[in-house]
Amino acid sequence: MESFHIIVLTIATIILIIALGTIGLLMDQGNKAGPFPPISLKCPDGWTETSATSTTGDITYTCSSSTLGRNLLSGDGITVTNGSDKMLSYNDKSTTTCSKYKFAQRNNLVWDGISNYNS
């Protein structure tokens, strides 16, 4: 081989080793972060925040009569305004991630960042 090819291959090999080492260090630092997922949604999937959420912490869920039978009414903080309304609310102003997790499990809710939480 000519000396030009040897120099190019040597420089490319050194750059590759440095790049792979840097990527490995960055990946290792990512494993030492806190619990996964680092953030969670304010509401369970399919729920929406009401306009009063910023002051009262109310979160509402609009559902059909078929979903009312999924035991959504059995958790703390859930209320139905009257027997025929299909609007549920959950107040999460002062609840912890653990209590939200228990609430989601008890009511068969999928809550991204809560139902898949590991501490």
Protein backbone atom coordinates (compact mmCIF):
# COMPACT_ATOMS: atom_id res chain seq x y z
CA MET A 1 0.00 0.00 0.00
CA GLU A 2 1.04 3.50 -0.54
CA SER A 3 1.78 5.71 2.41
CA PHE A 4 -1.26 7.89 1.58
CA HIS A 5 -3.65 4.94 2.06
CA ILE A 6 -1.99 3.96 5.32
CA ILE A 7 -2.27 7.50 6.68
CA VAL A 8 -5.96 7.77 5.67
CA LEU A 9 -6.82 4.37 7.20
CA THR A 10 -4.96 5.23 10.42
CA ILE A 11 -6.76 8.57 10.80
CA ALA A 12 -10.14 6.98 9.99
CA THR A 13 -9.54 4.21 12.55
CA ILE A 14 -8.60 6.72 15.25
CA ILE A 15 -11.70 8.84 14.53
CA LEU A 16 -13.90 5.70 14.62
CA ILE A 17 -12.47 4.63 17.99
CA ILE A 18 -12.99 8.11 19.46
CA ALA A 19 -16.56 8.32 18.09
CA LEU A 20 -17.53 4.87 19.42
CA GLY A 21 -15.97 5.64 22.80
CA THR A 22 -17.89 8.91 23.05
CA ILE A 23 -21.17 7.22 22.11
CA GLY A 24 -20.53 4.49 24.68
CA LEU A 25 -19.87 7.02 27.45
CA LEU A 26 -23.02 8.99 26.57
CA MET A 27 -25.13 5.82 26.61
CA ASP A 28 -23.67 4.81 29.97
CA GLN A 29 -24.52 8.20 31.48
CA GLY A 30 -28.13 7.82 30.26
CA ASN A 31 -28.52 4.60 32.27
CA LYS A 32 -27.74 6.39 35.52
CA ALA A 33 -30.67 8.81 35.25
CA GLY A 34 -33.74 8.66 37.49
CA PRO A 35 -36.86 6.55 37.13
CA PHE A 36 -38.38 5.75 33.76
CA PRO A 37 -40.26 7.48 32.25
CA PRO A 38 -38.84 10.77 33.49
CA ILE A 39 -42.10 12.65 32.88
CA SER A 40 -45.74 11.66 32.80
CA LEU A 41 -48.82 13.08 31.19
CA LYS A 42 -51.16 15.13 33.35
CA CYS A 43 -54.14 13.04 32.26
CA PRO A 44 -54.79 9.36 31.53
CA ASP A 45 -54.93 8.46 27.84
CA GLY A 46 -58.23 9.64 26.35
CA TRP A 47 -58.84 12.17 29.12
CA THR A 48 -58.64 15.93 28.65
CA GLU A 49 -57.87 18.81 30.96
CA THR A 50 -60.70 21.19 31.74
CA SER A 51 -60.25 24.94 31.63
CA ALA A 52 -60.19 24.94 35.43
CA THR A 53 -57.29 22.48 35.64
CA SER A 54 -54.69 25.12 36.38
CA THR A 55 -56.51 26.23 39.53
CA THR A 56 -58.45 23.19 40.73
CA GLY A 57 -56.58 20.28 39.19
CA ASP A 58 -59.72 18.78 37.62
CA ILE A 59 -59.28 16.39 34.72
CA THR A 60 -62.32 15.13 32.83
CA TYR A 61 -63.07 12.01 30.87
CA THR A 62 -65.88 11.89 28.35
CA CYS A 63 -67.06 8.36 27.82
CA SER A 64 -69.90 6.34 26.38
CA SER A 65 -72.31 4.39 28.55
CA SER A 66 -70.45 1.18 27.67
CA THR A 67 -67.23 2.43 29.30
CA LEU A 68 -69.00 3.37 32.52
CA GLY A 69 -69.15 -0.34 33.31
CA ARG A 70 -65.35 -0.62 33.39
CA ASN A 71 -65.26 0.25 37.08
CA LEU A 72 -64.16 3.82 36.40
CA LEU A 73 -66.25 5.08 39.31
CA SER A 74 -64.53 3.14 42.07
CA GLY A 75 -61.45 5.29 42.60
CA ASP A 76 -60.73 8.14 44.93
CA GLY A 77 -61.17 11.53 43.37
CA ILE A 78 -63.60 10.43 40.66
CA THR A 79 -67.06 11.93 40.62
CA VAL A 80 -70.02 11.86 38.28
CA THR A 81 -72.06 15.04 38.27
CA ASN A 82 -75.31 13.10 38.08
CA GLY A 83 -76.46 9.59 37.23
CA SER A 84 -76.93 10.24 33.51
CA ASP A 85 -73.92 12.42 32.69
CA LYS A 86 -71.11 10.78 30.81
CA MET A 87 -68.48 13.15 32.16
CA LEU A 88 -66.15 11.92 34.87
CA SER A 89 -63.59 14.03 36.67
CA TYR A 90 -60.43 13.24 38.57
CA ASN A 91 -58.65 15.80 40.71
CA ASP A 92 -54.89 15.25 40.73
CA LYS A 93 -53.75 18.50 42.28
CA SER A 94 -52.02 16.93 45.27
CA THR A 95 -51.64 13.24 44.36
CA THR A 96 -48.31 11.46 44.05
CA THR A 97 -47.14 9.25 41.21
CA CYS A 98 -47.73 6.19 43.40
CA SER A 99 -51.35 7.11 44.10
CA LYS A 100 -51.94 7.87 40.41
CA TYR A 101 -50.46 4.44 39.57
CA LYS A 102 -52.79 2.71 42.05
CA PHE A 103 -55.74 4.68 40.67
CA ALA A 104 -54.88 3.69 37.08
CA GLN A 105 -54.46 0.01 38.03
CA ARG A 106 -57.69 -0.06 40.06
CA ASN A 107 -59.70 1.45 37.19
CA ASN A 108 -58.00 -0.32 34.26
CA LEU A 109 -56.72 2.97 32.81
CA VAL A 110 -53.79 3.41 30.50
CA TRP A 111 -51.88 6.46 31.70
CA ASP A 112 -48.65 7.03 29.81
CA GLY A 113 -45.88 7.71 32.29
CA ILE A 114 -47.94 6.40 35.22
CA SER A 115 -49.20 2.91 34.34
CA ASN A 116 -45.73 1.98 33.02
CA TYR A 117 -43.85 3.72 35.85
CA ASN A 118 -40.97 2.02 37.64
CA SER A 119 -39.30 3.76 40.53
